[in-house]
Amino acid sequence: MPKSKGFRYKSRNVMTRPKGSRQGPNPEIYLREFKVGDKVAIKINPAVHKGMPHRRYH
């Protein structure tokens, strides 16, 4: 069988956090408001699996 390339393929070092900050997300990040046309940098939190975008957006 060929090697599978799943959703988190090659993301071992990309989606890791520093050892001291391995906790759940801060609720403030979900309450921010953005205006239409604002540019946003997407930073994936590997502790939250639901709604996680593809690793190319990290």
Protein backbone atom coordinates (compact mmCIF):
# COMPACT_ATOMS: atom_id res chain seq x y z
CA MET A 1 0.00 0.00 0.00
CA PRO A 2 1.24 3.51 -0.70
CA LYS A 3 2.02 5.80 2.19
CA SER A 4 -1.01 7.88 3.14
CA LYS A 5 -0.83 11.66 3.29
CA GLY A 6 -3.43 12.59 5.88
CA PHE A 7 -4.67 15.91 7.20
CA ARG A 8 -1.77 16.40 9.65
CA TYR A 9 0.91 14.95 7.35
CA LYS A 10 4.42 16.37 8.08
CA SER A 11 3.14 18.60 10.87
CA ARG A 12 5.11 17.21 13.82
CA ASN A 13 7.32 20.30 14.30
CA VAL A 14 4.96 22.82 12.76
CA MET A 15 2.13 22.21 15.22
CA THR A 16 4.08 21.98 18.47
CA ARG A 17 4.02 24.55 21.24
CA PRO A 18 6.71 25.46 23.77
CA LYS A 19 6.78 23.22 26.82
CA GLY A 20 5.57 25.89 29.29
CA SER A 21 2.50 26.92 27.28
CA ARG A 22 0.74 23.58 26.85
CA GLN A 23 -2.68 24.56 28.07
CA GLY A 24 -6.04 25.32 26.56
CA PRO A 25 -6.71 28.43 24.50
CA ASN A 26 -7.36 31.81 26.07
CA PRO A 27 -11.07 32.78 25.66
CA GLU A 28 -10.07 36.28 24.54
CA ILE A 29 -8.96 35.03 21.13
CA TYR A 30 -12.53 34.01 20.30
CA LEU A 31 -14.00 37.38 21.32
CA ARG A 32 -11.91 39.61 19.05
CA GLU A 33 -13.77 41.61 16.45
CA PHE A 34 -12.34 42.30 13.02
CA LYS A 35 -13.45 44.77 10.40
CA VAL A 36 -14.20 43.80 6.83
CA GLY A 37 -10.99 43.92 4.82
CA ASP A 38 -8.62 43.33 7.78
CA LYS A 39 -5.73 40.98 7.07
CA VAL A 40 -5.39 38.17 9.58
CA ALA A 41 -2.55 35.72 10.24
CA ILE A 42 -3.93 32.31 11.19
CA LYS A 43 -1.98 30.64 14.00
CA ILE A 44 -3.14 27.08 14.65
CA ASN A 45 -3.50 25.97 18.25
CA PRO A 46 -2.74 22.22 18.24
CA ALA A 47 -4.59 21.75 21.56
CA VAL A 48 -7.92 22.37 19.78
CA HIS A 49 -8.76 19.77 17.14
CA LYS A 50 -12.29 20.88 16.25
CA GLY A 51 -12.32 23.36 13.39
CA MET A 52 -8.57 23.13 12.81
CA PRO A 53 -7.55 24.54 9.40
CA HIS A 54 -5.08 22.78 7.13
CA ARG A 55 -1.43 23.10 8.13
CA ARG A 56 -0.57 25.22 5.08
CA TYR A 57 -2.36 28.15 6.78
CA HIS A 58 -0.13 27.96 9.89
